[in-house]
Amino acid sequence: MVDLISVVNPNYQKAVDAVSGSKPAEKTEKPAGEAGGEAVKENVDTYVPEDKAPVKEDTGVSYKPNAALVEAMKKEQAAQEARFINMMKSMLTKQGKVFGQSTDYTVTPEVQAAAKEAISEDGYWGVKQTSERIVNFGKALVGGDPARVGEMRDAFIKGFEAATKAWGGALPGIAQETYDAAMKLFDEWEKEGAVDKAPETETPAE
């Protein structure tokens, strides 16, 4: 209950005490440990040994695959395959045209001579250089990773089929020779990866 007198006249009680000669009651506190007394605990840190420390509960955190990253990688792989197929189509079609010029007597002698040189054994459009360019391009797309030889080989086959379709029929024989040479290079690339993964054998002590 609110003491209205104290609120209105805070000095009222002091005046009454002065007239009566009484002193205001003093509050007494009992020392800790005596009946009715309360012990005050200090706020101190307590060392808890590790083997006594409470076990942390499972946070429930779960790890999920990054779907966005996986999708981005799939798109990049598809783009790499598309670039390789387009390159194959363009290269083999060009090789076929150069080969045709080498046997086409309707072109100038100079053009025919240049075409024959281009498709020769060491020529730019010859089997060796063309097949090497194809495989090296595939390696460049995947950073030379032997684990991805399979997908590059499949893309090579698709590219050859696309070039055959664009040609309107079977490609010239030089294209088939290039196909066979490239397949051998793909096999060699794959073997390089197998050698890298092979466990090292210890030399027996003499």
N, C-alpha and C. Protein backbone atom coordinates (compact mmCIF):
# COMPACT_ATOMS: atom_id res chain seq x y z
N MET A 1 0.85 -1.19 0.00
CA MET A 1 0.00 0.00 0.00
C MET A 1 0.89 1.24 0.00
N VAL A 2 0.53 2.24 -0.80
CA VAL A 2 1.34 3.45 -0.93
C VAL A 2 1.11 4.36 0.26
N ASP A 3 2.22 4.87 0.87
CA ASP A 3 2.14 5.81 1.99
C ASP A 3 1.95 7.22 1.42
N LEU A 4 0.67 7.69 1.44
CA LEU A 4 0.35 8.98 0.85
C LEU A 4 1.00 10.13 1.60
N ILE A 5 1.18 9.98 2.92
CA ILE A 5 1.76 11.06 3.72
C ILE A 5 3.21 11.28 3.31
N SER A 6 3.93 10.19 3.14
CA SER A 6 5.34 10.32 2.75
C SER A 6 5.47 10.91 1.38
N VAL A 7 4.51 10.60 0.51
CA VAL A 7 4.57 11.12 -0.85
C VAL A 7 4.32 12.61 -0.85
N VAL A 8 3.27 13.06 -0.08
CA VAL A 8 2.91 14.48 -0.06
C VAL A 8 3.90 15.30 0.73
N ASN A 9 4.33 14.77 1.91
CA ASN A 9 5.24 15.49 2.80
C ASN A 9 6.34 14.56 3.24
N PRO A 10 7.45 14.50 2.47
CA PRO A 10 8.53 13.55 2.79
C PRO A 10 9.14 13.81 4.17
N ASN A 11 9.09 15.01 4.71
CA ASN A 11 9.71 15.35 6.01
C ASN A 11 8.80 15.10 7.20
N TYR A 12 7.60 14.59 6.94
CA TYR A 12 6.64 14.39 8.02
C TYR A 12 7.16 13.41 9.06
N GLN A 13 7.68 12.27 8.62
CA GLN A 13 8.13 11.25 9.55
C GLN A 13 9.30 11.75 10.38
N LYS A 14 10.20 12.56 9.75
CA LYS A 14 11.34 13.09 10.50
C LYS A 14 10.87 14.03 11.61
N ALA A 15 9.84 14.83 11.29
CA ALA A 15 9.31 15.75 12.31
C ALA A 15 8.70 15.01 13.46
N VAL A 16 7.97 13.93 13.17
CA VAL A 16 7.35 13.12 14.24
C VAL A 16 8.41 12.49 15.09
N ASP A 17 9.46 11.99 14.48
CA ASP A 17 10.53 11.35 15.25
C ASP A 17 11.25 12.36 16.14
N ALA A 18 11.42 13.58 15.63
CA ALA A 18 12.10 14.61 16.42
C ALA A 18 11.30 14.98 17.66
N VAL A 19 9.95 15.04 17.52
CA VAL A 19 9.09 15.40 18.66
C VAL A 19 9.06 14.27 19.67
N SER A 20 8.93 13.04 19.17
CA SER A 20 8.81 11.90 20.09
C SER A 20 10.16 11.46 20.63
N GLY A 21 11.25 11.92 20.00
CA GLY A 21 12.59 11.54 20.47
C GLY A 21 12.98 10.13 20.06
N SER A 22 12.20 9.52 19.24
CA SER A 22 12.52 8.16 18.80
C SER A 22 13.43 8.20 17.59
N LYS A 23 14.19 7.14 17.43
CA LYS A 23 15.11 7.02 16.29
C LYS A 23 14.55 6.02 15.29
N PRO A 24 14.79 6.29 14.07
CA PRO A 24 14.31 5.33 13.07
C PRO A 24 14.98 3.98 13.24
N ALA A 25 14.19 3.00 13.01
CA ALA A 25 14.72 1.63 13.19
C ALA A 25 15.84 1.38 12.21
N GLU A 26 16.89 0.77 12.74
CA GLU A 26 18.03 0.46 11.89
C GLU A 26 17.94 -0.98 11.44
N LYS A 27 18.31 -1.16 10.20
CA LYS A 27 18.29 -2.52 9.66
C LYS A 27 19.54 -3.25 10.09
N THR A 28 19.36 -4.45 10.53
CA THR A 28 20.50 -5.26 10.96
C THR A 28 20.60 -6.46 10.04
N GLU A 29 21.81 -6.80 9.72
CA GLU A 29 22.05 -7.96 8.87
C GLU A 29 22.80 -9.00 9.67
N LYS A 30 22.36 -10.19 9.57
CA LYS A 30 23.01 -11.27 10.29
C LYS A 30 24.16 -11.80 9.44
N PRO A 31 25.26 -12.06 10.10
CA PRO A 31 26.39 -12.60 9.35
C PRO A 31 26.05 -13.94 8.73
N ALA A 32 26.74 -14.18 7.68
CA ALA A 32 26.52 -15.46 6.99
C ALA A 32 26.85 -16.60 7.91
N GLY A 33 26.05 -17.62 7.89
CA GLY A 33 26.31 -18.80 8.71
C GLY A 33 25.39 -18.84 9.90
N GLU A 34 24.90 -17.66 10.43
CA GLU A 34 23.98 -17.65 11.54
C GLU A 34 22.58 -17.93 11.03
N ALA A 35 21.71 -18.31 11.97
CA ALA A 35 20.33 -18.63 11.60
C ALA A 35 19.69 -17.42 10.96
N GLY A 36 19.05 -17.63 9.86
CA GLY A 36 18.36 -16.53 9.18
C GLY A 36 19.25 -15.79 8.24
N GLY A 37 20.57 -15.97 8.32
CA GLY A 37 21.50 -15.25 7.45
C GLY A 37 21.65 -15.95 6.11
N GLU A 38 22.03 -15.22 5.13
CA GLU A 38 22.23 -15.79 3.80
C GLU A 38 23.68 -15.59 3.37
N ALA A 39 24.28 -16.66 2.92
CA ALA A 39 25.67 -16.58 2.46
C ALA A 39 25.70 -16.03 1.04
N VAL A 40 26.61 -15.12 0.80
CA VAL A 40 26.75 -14.52 -0.54
C VAL A 40 27.87 -15.25 -1.27
N LYS A 41 27.54 -15.82 -2.41
CA LYS A 41 28.53 -16.57 -3.18
C LYS A 41 29.21 -15.64 -4.17
N GLU A 42 30.52 -15.75 -4.22
CA GLU A 42 31.27 -14.93 -5.17
C GLU A 42 31.10 -15.48 -6.59
N ASN A 43 31.09 -14.56 -7.54
CA ASN A 43 30.93 -14.95 -8.94
C ASN A 43 32.30 -15.27 -9.52
N VAL A 44 32.71 -16.52 -9.40
CA VAL A 44 34.03 -16.93 -9.87
C VAL A 44 33.86 -18.07 -10.87
N ASP A 45 34.86 -18.18 -11.79
CA ASP A 45 34.85 -19.27 -12.77
C ASP A 45 35.29 -20.56 -12.10
N THR A 46 34.70 -21.64 -12.52
CA THR A 46 35.03 -22.95 -11.96
C THR A 46 35.66 -23.81 -13.03
N TYR A 47 36.83 -24.38 -12.76
CA TYR A 47 37.52 -25.23 -13.73
C TYR A 47 36.85 -26.61 -13.76
N VAL A 48 36.53 -27.04 -14.96
CA VAL A 48 35.92 -28.35 -15.14
C VAL A 48 36.87 -29.19 -15.98
N PRO A 49 37.39 -30.30 -15.46
CA PRO A 49 38.29 -31.15 -16.24
C PRO A 49 37.60 -31.61 -17.53
N GLU A 50 38.43 -31.90 -18.57
CA GLU A 50 37.86 -32.28 -19.86
C GLU A 50 37.02 -33.54 -19.76
N ASP A 51 37.49 -34.51 -18.91
CA ASP A 51 36.74 -35.76 -18.81
C ASP A 51 35.43 -35.57 -18.05
N LYS A 52 35.31 -34.42 -17.34
CA LYS A 52 34.08 -34.14 -16.60
C LYS A 52 33.20 -33.15 -17.35
N ALA A 53 33.74 -32.56 -18.42
CA ALA A 53 33.01 -31.53 -19.14
C ALA A 53 31.79 -32.13 -19.82
N PRO A 54 30.70 -31.36 -19.89
CA PRO A 54 29.49 -31.88 -20.52
C PRO A 54 29.72 -32.16 -22.01
N VAL A 55 29.13 -33.21 -22.51
CA VAL A 55 29.27 -33.60 -23.90
C VAL A 55 28.39 -32.71 -24.77
N LYS A 56 28.99 -32.16 -25.83
CA LYS A 56 28.22 -31.30 -26.72
C LYS A 56 27.22 -32.13 -27.52
N GLU A 57 26.05 -31.60 -27.65
CA GLU A 57 25.02 -32.29 -28.40
C GLU A 57 25.24 -32.12 -29.90
N ASP A 58 24.71 -33.07 -30.67
CA ASP A 58 24.81 -33.00 -32.12
C ASP A 58 24.11 -31.74 -32.62
N THR A 59 24.83 -30.96 -33.43
CA THR A 59 24.26 -29.71 -33.91
C THR A 59 23.21 -29.94 -34.98
N GLY A 60 23.19 -31.14 -35.53
CA GLY A 60 22.20 -31.44 -36.55
C GLY A 60 22.53 -30.87 -37.91
N VAL A 61 23.79 -30.42 -38.10
CA VAL A 61 24.19 -29.85 -39.39
C VAL A 61 24.36 -30.97 -40.40
N SER A 62 23.76 -30.83 -41.56
CA SER A 62 23.87 -31.83 -42.62
C SER A 62 24.49 -31.19 -43.85
N TYR A 63 25.28 -31.97 -44.58
CA TYR A 63 25.97 -31.46 -45.76
C TYR A 63 25.27 -31.98 -47.01
N LYS A 64 24.90 -31.06 -47.87
CA LYS A 64 24.19 -31.41 -49.09
C LYS A 64 25.03 -31.03 -50.31
N PRO A 65 24.89 -31.79 -51.40
CA PRO A 65 25.66 -31.45 -52.61
C PRO A 65 25.23 -30.09 -53.15
N ASN A 66 26.20 -29.38 -53.72
CA ASN A 66 25.92 -28.07 -54.29
C ASN A 66 25.32 -28.28 -55.67
N ALA A 67 23.98 -28.25 -55.73
CA ALA A 67 23.28 -28.52 -56.97
C ALA A 67 23.63 -27.52 -58.06
N ALA A 68 23.79 -26.26 -57.67
CA ALA A 68 24.11 -25.22 -58.66
C ALA A 68 25.48 -25.47 -59.29
N LEU A 69 26.47 -25.87 -58.46
CA LEU A 69 27.81 -26.14 -58.96
C LEU A 69 27.81 -27.35 -59.88
N VAL A 70 27.08 -28.40 -59.50
CA VAL A 70 26.99 -29.60 -60.32
C VAL A 70 26.38 -29.27 -61.68
N GLU A 71 25.32 -28.47 -61.67
CA GLU A 71 24.66 -28.09 -62.92
C GLU A 71 25.58 -27.25 -63.80
N ALA A 72 26.35 -26.35 -63.17
CA ALA A 72 27.30 -25.52 -63.93
C ALA A 72 28.38 -26.37 -64.57
N MET A 73 28.85 -27.40 -63.83
CA MET A 73 29.88 -28.29 -64.37
C MET A 73 29.34 -29.12 -65.54
N LYS A 74 28.08 -29.53 -65.44
CA LYS A 74 27.47 -30.29 -66.53
C LYS A 74 27.36 -29.43 -67.79
N LYS A 75 26.98 -28.16 -67.60
CA LYS A 75 26.85 -27.26 -68.74
C LYS A 75 28.21 -27.00 -69.39
N GLU A 76 29.23 -26.85 -68.54
CA GLU A 76 30.58 -26.62 -69.06
C GLU A 76 31.07 -27.84 -69.84
N GLN A 77 30.77 -29.03 -69.32
CA GLN A 77 31.18 -30.25 -70.00
C GLN A 77 30.47 -30.37 -71.35
N ALA A 78 29.18 -30.03 -71.38
CA ALA A 78 28.42 -30.08 -72.63
C ALA A 78 28.96 -29.07 -73.63
N ALA A 79 29.37 -27.90 -73.13
CA ALA A 79 29.92 -26.86 -74.01
C ALA A 79 31.26 -27.31 -74.59
N GLN A 80 32.08 -27.97 -73.77
CA GLN A 80 33.36 -28.48 -74.25
C GLN A 80 33.16 -29.52 -75.35
N GLU A 81 32.20 -30.40 -75.13
CA GLU A 81 31.92 -31.43 -76.13
C GLU A 81 31.44 -30.81 -77.43
N ALA A 82 30.58 -29.79 -77.32
CA ALA A 82 30.05 -29.13 -78.52
C ALA A 82 31.17 -28.45 -79.30
N ARG A 83 32.11 -27.80 -78.58
CA ARG A 83 33.24 -27.15 -79.26
C ARG A 83 34.11 -28.17 -79.98
N PHE A 84 34.32 -29.31 -79.33
CA PHE A 84 35.16 -30.35 -79.91
C PHE A 84 34.50 -30.94 -81.16
N ILE A 85 33.20 -31.18 -81.08
CA ILE A 85 32.48 -31.74 -82.23
C ILE A 85 32.51 -30.77 -83.41
N ASN A 86 32.29 -29.50 -83.12
CA ASN A 86 32.32 -28.49 -84.19
C ASN A 86 33.70 -28.39 -84.83
N MET A 87 34.73 -28.47 -83.98
CA MET A 87 36.10 -28.42 -84.50
C MET A 87 36.37 -29.64 -85.39
N MET A 88 35.92 -30.82 -84.93
CA MET A 88 36.09 -32.04 -85.71
C MET A 88 35.41 -31.94 -87.06
N LYS A 89 34.18 -31.47 -87.03
CA LYS A 89 33.40 -31.34 -88.27
C LYS A 89 34.10 -30.41 -89.26
N SER A 90 34.56 -29.27 -88.74
CA SER A 90 35.23 -28.29 -89.60
C SER A 90 36.56 -28.81 -90.13
N MET A 91 37.32 -29.46 -89.27
CA MET A 91 38.65 -29.92 -89.65
C MET A 91 38.59 -31.05 -90.68
N LEU A 92 37.75 -32.03 -90.46
CA LEU A 92 37.67 -33.15 -91.38
C LEU A 92 37.05 -32.74 -92.72
N THR A 93 36.09 -31.80 -92.65
CA THR A 93 35.50 -31.30 -93.89
C THR A 93 36.55 -30.56 -94.71
N LYS A 94 37.36 -29.75 -94.02
CA LYS A 94 38.42 -29.02 -94.71
C LYS A 94 39.46 -29.98 -95.27
N GLN A 95 39.79 -31.00 -94.51
CA GLN A 95 40.76 -31.98 -94.98
C GLN A 95 40.24 -32.67 -96.24
N GLY A 96 38.95 -32.98 -96.24
CA GLY A 96 38.35 -33.62 -97.41
C GLY A 96 38.39 -32.74 -98.64
N LYS A 97 38.17 -31.44 -98.44
CA LYS A 97 38.21 -30.50 -99.56
C LYS A 97 39.63 -30.38 -100.13
N VAL A 98 40.59 -30.32 -99.24
CA VAL A 98 41.98 -30.22 -99.69
C VAL A 98 42.37 -31.49 -100.45
N PHE A 99 41.93 -32.63 -99.93
CA PHE A 99 42.20 -33.89 -100.61
C PHE A 99 41.57 -33.89 -101.99
N GLY A 100 40.36 -33.35 -102.08
CA GLY A 100 39.68 -33.28 -103.38
C GLY A 100 40.43 -32.40 -104.36
N GLN A 101 41.00 -31.32 -103.87
CA GLN A 101 41.77 -30.43 -104.74
C GLN A 101 43.03 -31.10 -105.27
N SER A 102 43.56 -32.03 -104.46
CA SER A 102 44.80 -32.69 -104.88
C SER A 102 44.59 -33.60 -106.09
N THR A 103 43.35 -34.00 -106.31
CA THR A 103 43.05 -34.87 -107.45
C THR A 103 42.13 -34.19 -108.48
N ASP A 104 41.84 -32.93 -108.24
CA ASP A 104 40.94 -32.20 -109.13
C ASP A 104 41.76 -31.49 -110.20
N TYR A 105 41.62 -31.96 -111.41
CA TYR A 105 42.41 -31.38 -112.50
C TYR A 105 41.76 -30.13 -113.09
N THR A 106 40.62 -29.72 -112.52
CA THR A 106 39.97 -28.49 -112.98
C THR A 106 40.55 -27.26 -112.29
N VAL A 107 41.29 -27.48 -111.21
CA VAL A 107 41.91 -26.36 -110.51
C VAL A 107 43.26 -26.08 -111.15
N THR A 108 43.85 -24.97 -110.79
CA THR A 108 45.16 -24.61 -111.35
C THR A 108 46.22 -25.57 -110.85
N PRO A 109 47.28 -25.76 -111.59
CA PRO A 109 48.37 -26.65 -111.16
C PRO A 109 48.94 -26.22 -109.80
N GLU A 110 48.99 -24.91 -109.57
CA GLU A 110 49.54 -24.42 -108.29
C GLU A 110 48.68 -24.88 -107.11
N VAL A 111 47.35 -24.76 -107.28
CA VAL A 111 46.43 -25.17 -106.22
C VAL A 111 46.53 -26.67 -105.99
N GLN A 112 46.60 -27.42 -107.07
CA GLN A 112 46.71 -28.87 -106.96
C GLN A 112 48.01 -29.28 -106.26
N ALA A 113 49.09 -28.62 -106.59
CA ALA A 113 50.38 -28.94 -105.97
C ALA A 113 50.38 -28.62 -104.49
N ALA A 114 49.78 -27.48 -104.14
CA ALA A 114 49.71 -27.08 -102.72
C ALA A 114 48.85 -28.06 -101.94
N ALA A 115 47.76 -28.54 -102.53
CA ALA A 115 46.87 -29.49 -101.87
C ALA A 115 47.59 -30.83 -101.64
N LYS A 116 48.34 -31.28 -102.63
CA LYS A 116 49.08 -32.53 -102.48
C LYS A 116 50.12 -32.44 -101.36
N GLU A 117 50.76 -31.29 -101.28
CA GLU A 117 51.75 -31.10 -100.22
C GLU A 117 51.06 -31.06 -98.85
N ALA A 118 49.88 -30.43 -98.80
CA ALA A 118 49.16 -30.29 -97.53
C ALA A 118 48.69 -31.63 -96.97
N ILE A 119 48.35 -32.58 -97.85
CA ILE A 119 47.85 -33.87 -97.36
C ILE A 119 48.93 -34.94 -97.33
N SER A 120 50.17 -34.54 -97.59
CA SER A 120 51.28 -35.50 -97.56
C SER A 120 51.51 -35.99 -96.14
N GLU A 121 52.42 -36.92 -95.97
CA GLU A 121 52.68 -37.53 -94.66
C GLU A 121 53.02 -36.49 -93.59
N ASP A 122 53.80 -35.51 -93.97
CA ASP A 122 54.19 -34.47 -93.01
C ASP A 122 53.45 -33.15 -93.26
N GLY A 123 52.43 -33.18 -94.10
CA GLY A 123 51.69 -31.96 -94.41
C GLY A 123 50.71 -31.56 -93.31
N TYR A 124 50.29 -30.29 -93.37
CA TYR A 124 49.39 -29.76 -92.35
C TYR A 124 48.08 -30.53 -92.30
N TRP A 125 47.55 -30.94 -93.46
CA TRP A 125 46.30 -31.69 -93.52
C TRP A 125 46.54 -33.18 -93.69
N GLY A 126 47.77 -33.61 -93.45
CA GLY A 126 48.07 -35.04 -93.51
C GLY A 126 47.50 -35.77 -92.30
N VAL A 127 47.54 -37.09 -92.33
CA VAL A 127 46.97 -37.92 -91.27
C VAL A 127 47.63 -37.63 -89.92
N LYS A 128 48.95 -37.55 -89.90
CA LYS A 128 49.69 -37.39 -88.65
C LYS A 128 49.35 -36.07 -87.96
N GLN A 129 49.53 -34.96 -88.67
CA GLN A 129 49.31 -33.66 -88.04
C GLN A 129 47.83 -33.43 -87.69
N THR A 130 46.95 -33.88 -88.56
CA THR A 130 45.52 -33.66 -88.32
C THR A 130 45.06 -34.45 -87.09
N SER A 131 45.46 -35.69 -86.99
CA SER A 131 45.06 -36.51 -85.84
C SER A 131 45.65 -35.96 -84.55
N GLU A 132 46.88 -35.48 -84.62
CA GLU A 132 47.52 -34.90 -83.43
C GLU A 132 46.80 -33.63 -82.98
N ARG A 133 46.41 -32.81 -83.94
CA ARG A 133 45.68 -31.58 -83.59
C ARG A 133 44.35 -31.90 -82.92
N ILE A 134 43.70 -32.92 -83.43
CA ILE A 134 42.40 -33.32 -82.88
C ILE A 134 42.54 -33.73 -81.41
N VAL A 135 43.47 -34.63 -81.14
CA VAL A 135 43.65 -35.14 -79.77
C VAL A 135 44.19 -34.05 -78.85
N ASN A 136 45.12 -33.24 -79.35
CA ASN A 136 45.66 -32.17 -78.53
C ASN A 136 44.58 -31.13 -78.16
N PHE A 137 43.67 -30.90 -79.09
CA PHE A 137 42.56 -29.99 -78.81
C PHE A 137 41.68 -30.58 -77.70
N GLY A 138 41.44 -31.87 -77.78
CA GLY A 138 40.66 -32.54 -76.74
C GLY A 138 41.34 -32.46 -75.39
N LYS A 139 42.67 -32.65 -75.37
CA LYS A 139 43.42 -32.55 -74.12
C LYS A 139 43.33 -31.14 -73.53
N ALA A 140 43.43 -30.15 -74.40
CA ALA A 140 43.38 -28.76 -73.94
C ALA A 140 42.04 -28.44 -73.28
N LEU A 141 40.97 -29.01 -73.80
CA LEU A 141 39.64 -28.73 -73.26
C LEU A 141 39.46 -29.26 -71.85
N VAL A 142 40.12 -30.38 -71.53
CA VAL A 142 39.95 -31.00 -70.21
C VAL A 142 41.22 -30.91 -69.37
N GLY A 143 42.13 -30.04 -69.77
CA GLY A 143 43.34 -29.85 -68.98
C GLY A 143 44.25 -31.06 -68.97
N GLY A 144 44.16 -31.91 -70.00
CA GLY A 144 45.03 -33.09 -70.08
C GLY A 144 44.68 -34.20 -69.12
N ASP A 145 43.49 -34.15 -68.52
CA ASP A 145 43.09 -35.14 -67.52
C ASP A 145 42.81 -36.49 -68.19
N PRO A 146 43.64 -37.52 -67.91
CA PRO A 146 43.42 -38.84 -68.54
C PRO A 146 42.09 -39.46 -68.15
N ALA A 147 41.54 -39.05 -67.00
CA ALA A 147 40.27 -39.62 -66.55
C ALA A 147 39.11 -39.22 -67.46
N ARG A 148 39.34 -38.21 -68.31
CA ARG A 148 38.28 -37.74 -69.19
C ARG A 148 38.52 -38.10 -70.65
N VAL A 149 39.40 -39.08 -70.86
CA VAL A 149 39.67 -39.53 -72.22
C VAL A 149 38.39 -40.08 -72.86
N GLY A 150 37.63 -40.82 -72.08
CA GLY A 150 36.43 -41.46 -72.59
C GLY A 150 35.45 -40.47 -73.21
N GLU A 151 35.20 -39.38 -72.51
CA GLU A 151 34.23 -38.40 -73.03
C GLU A 151 34.77 -37.68 -74.26
N MET A 152 36.08 -37.45 -74.30
CA MET A 152 36.67 -36.82 -75.48
C MET A 152 36.67 -37.77 -76.67
N ARG A 153 36.87 -39.05 -76.41
CA ARG A 153 36.83 -40.03 -77.49
C ARG A 153 35.41 -40.12 -78.06
N ASP A 154 34.43 -40.12 -77.17
CA ASP A 154 33.03 -40.15 -77.62
C ASP A 154 32.68 -38.92 -78.44
N ALA A 155 33.18 -37.76 -78.00
CA ALA A 155 32.94 -36.52 -78.75
C ALA A 155 33.62 -36.59 -80.12
N PHE A 156 34.78 -37.22 -80.18
CA PHE A 156 35.50 -37.38 -81.45
C PHE A 156 34.67 -38.21 -82.43
N ILE A 157 34.08 -39.29 -81.93
CA ILE A 157 33.24 -40.14 -82.78
C ILE A 157 32.02 -39.36 -83.29
N LYS A 158 31.41 -38.58 -82.39
CA LYS A 158 30.26 -37.76 -82.80
C LYS A 158 30.68 -36.72 -83.84
N GLY A 159 31.87 -36.16 -83.66
CA GLY A 159 32.36 -35.18 -84.62
C GLY A 159 32.60 -35.80 -85.98
N PHE A 160 33.13 -37.00 -85.99
CA PHE A 160 33.37 -37.70 -87.25
C PHE A 160 32.05 -37.97 -87.97
N GLU A 161 31.05 -38.39 -87.19
CA GLU A 161 29.73 -38.65 -87.77
C GLU A 161 29.11 -37.36 -88.31
N ALA A 162 29.30 -36.25 -87.58
CA ALA A 162 28.76 -34.96 -88.03
C ALA A 162 29.44 -34.52 -89.33
N ALA A 163 30.75 -34.76 -89.42
CA ALA A 163 31.49 -34.39 -90.63
C ALA A 163 31.05 -35.25 -91.81
N THR A 164 30.79 -36.52 -91.55
CA THR A 164 30.32 -37.42 -92.61
C THR A 164 28.96 -36.97 -93.14
N LYS A 165 28.10 -36.57 -92.21
CA LYS A 165 26.76 -36.10 -92.60
C LYS A 165 26.86 -34.81 -93.40
N ALA A 166 27.71 -33.89 -92.94
CA ALA A 166 27.88 -32.62 -93.64
C ALA A 166 28.48 -32.84 -95.03
N TRP A 167 29.31 -33.85 -95.17
CA TRP A 167 29.95 -34.15 -96.46
C TRP A 167 28.93 -34.71 -97.46
N GLY A 168 27.88 -35.29 -96.89
CA GLY A 168 26.84 -35.85 -97.77
C GLY A 168 27.08 -37.29 -98.15
N GLY A 169 27.93 -37.97 -97.42
CA GLY A 169 28.26 -39.36 -97.72
C GLY A 169 29.58 -39.70 -97.06
N ALA A 170 30.16 -40.82 -97.43
CA ALA A 170 31.43 -41.24 -96.83
C ALA A 170 32.52 -40.23 -97.13
N LEU A 171 33.28 -39.92 -96.12
CA LEU A 171 34.41 -39.00 -96.29
C LEU A 171 35.52 -39.69 -97.09
N PRO A 172 36.42 -38.90 -97.66
CA PRO A 172 37.55 -39.50 -98.40
C PRO A 172 38.36 -40.42 -97.50
N GLY A 173 39.11 -41.33 -98.11
CA GLY A 173 39.89 -42.31 -97.35
C GLY A 173 40.84 -41.70 -96.36
N ILE A 174 41.37 -40.51 -96.65
CA ILE A 174 42.32 -39.87 -95.74
C ILE A 174 41.66 -39.53 -94.40
N ALA A 175 40.35 -39.27 -94.44
CA ALA A 175 39.63 -38.97 -93.21
C ALA A 175 39.53 -40.22 -92.33
N GLN A 176 39.28 -41.38 -92.95
CA GLN A 176 39.21 -42.63 -92.19
C GLN A 176 40.58 -42.96 -91.59
N GLU A 177 41.64 -42.70 -92.35
CA GLU A 177 42.99 -42.93 -91.82
C GLU A 177 43.25 -42.01 -90.62
N THR A 178 42.78 -40.78 -90.72
CA THR A 178 42.94 -39.83 -89.63
C THR A 178 42.16 -40.30 -88.40
N TYR A 179 40.98 -40.85 -88.66
CA TYR A 179 40.14 -41.39 -87.56
C TYR A 179 40.90 -42.49 -86.81
N ASP A 180 41.46 -43.42 -87.55
CA ASP A 180 42.19 -44.54 -86.92
C ASP A 180 43.41 -44.04 -86.14
N ALA A 181 44.13 -43.08 -86.73
CA ALA A 181 45.32 -42.54 -86.06
C ALA A 181 44.94 -41.80 -84.77
N ALA A 182 43.84 -41.07 -84.81
CA ALA A 182 43.40 -40.34 -83.62
C ALA A 182 42.97 -41.30 -82.52
N MET A 183 42.30 -42.39 -82.89
CA MET A 183 41.87 -43.37 -81.89
C MET A 183 43.08 -43.99 -81.18
N LYS A 184 44.16 -44.22 -81.93
CA LYS A 184 45.38 -44.74 -81.30
C LYS A 184 45.96 -43.73 -80.30
N LEU A 185 45.91 -42.46 -80.67
CA LEU A 185 46.42 -41.42 -79.77
C LEU A 185 45.57 -41.31 -78.51
N PHE A 186 44.28 -41.50 -78.65
CA PHE A 186 43.39 -41.50 -77.48
C PHE A 186 43.74 -42.66 -76.56
N ASP A 187 44.04 -43.82 -77.16
CA ASP A 187 44.42 -44.99 -76.37
C ASP A 187 45.72 -44.74 -75.61
N GLU A 188 46.68 -44.11 -76.28
CA GLU A 188 47.97 -43.80 -75.63
C GLU A 188 47.76 -42.82 -74.47
N TRP A 189 46.89 -41.84 -74.67
CA TRP A 189 46.58 -40.87 -73.62
C TRP A 189 45.96 -41.57 -72.41
N GLU A 190 45.09 -42.53 -72.69
CA GLU A 190 44.44 -43.28 -71.62
C GLU A 190 45.45 -44.12 -70.85
N LYS A 191 46.42 -44.69 -71.58
CA LYS A 191 47.45 -45.52 -70.93
C LYS A 191 48.33 -44.68 -70.02
N GLU A 192 48.56 -43.43 -70.40
CA GLU A 192 49.36 -42.54 -69.55
C GLU A 192 48.71 -42.38 -68.18
N GLY A 193 47.39 -42.29 -68.16
CA GLY A 193 46.67 -42.18 -66.89
C GLY A 193 46.78 -43.45 -66.08
N ALA A 194 46.76 -44.61 -66.76
CA ALA A 194 46.87 -45.89 -66.06
C ALA A 194 48.26 -46.04 -65.43
N VAL A 195 49.28 -45.56 -66.12
CA VAL A 195 50.65 -45.63 -65.59
C VAL A 195 50.79 -44.75 -64.37
N ASP A 196 50.18 -43.57 -64.40
CA ASP A 196 50.26 -42.65 -63.27
C ASP A 196 49.60 -43.23 -62.02
N LYS A 197 48.55 -44.06 -62.21
CA LYS A 197 47.82 -44.62 -61.08
C LYS A 197 48.43 -45.92 -60.58
N ALA A 198 49.34 -46.51 -61.37
CA ALA A 198 49.92 -47.80 -60.99
C ALA A 198 50.75 -47.65 -59.71
N PRO A 199 50.60 -48.59 -58.73
CA PRO A 199 51.37 -48.50 -57.49
C PRO A 199 52.85 -48.76 -57.74
N GLU A 200 53.67 -48.07 -56.99
CA GLU A 200 55.12 -48.25 -57.13
C GLU A 200 55.54 -49.56 -56.47
N THR A 201 56.42 -50.28 -57.14
CA THR A 201 56.92 -51.56 -56.59
C THR A 201 58.28 -51.33 -55.98
N GLU A 202 58.48 -51.89 -54.82
CA GLU A 202 59.75 -51.74 -54.12
C GLU A 202 60.78 -52.72 -54.69
N THR A 203 62.00 -52.23 -54.83
CA THR A 203 63.09 -53.09 -55.30
C THR A 203 63.58 -53.97 -54.15
N PRO A 204 63.57 -55.29 -54.33
CA PRO A 204 63.99 -56.17 -53.23
C PRO A 204 65.44 -55.92 -52.85
N ALA A 205 65.70 -55.96 -51.55
CA ALA A 205 67.06 -55.73 -51.04
C ALA A 205 67.94 -56.92 -51.41
N GLU A 206 69.16 -56.63 -51.81
CA GLU A 206 70.10 -57.69 -52.19
C GLU A 206 70.74 -58.28 -50.95
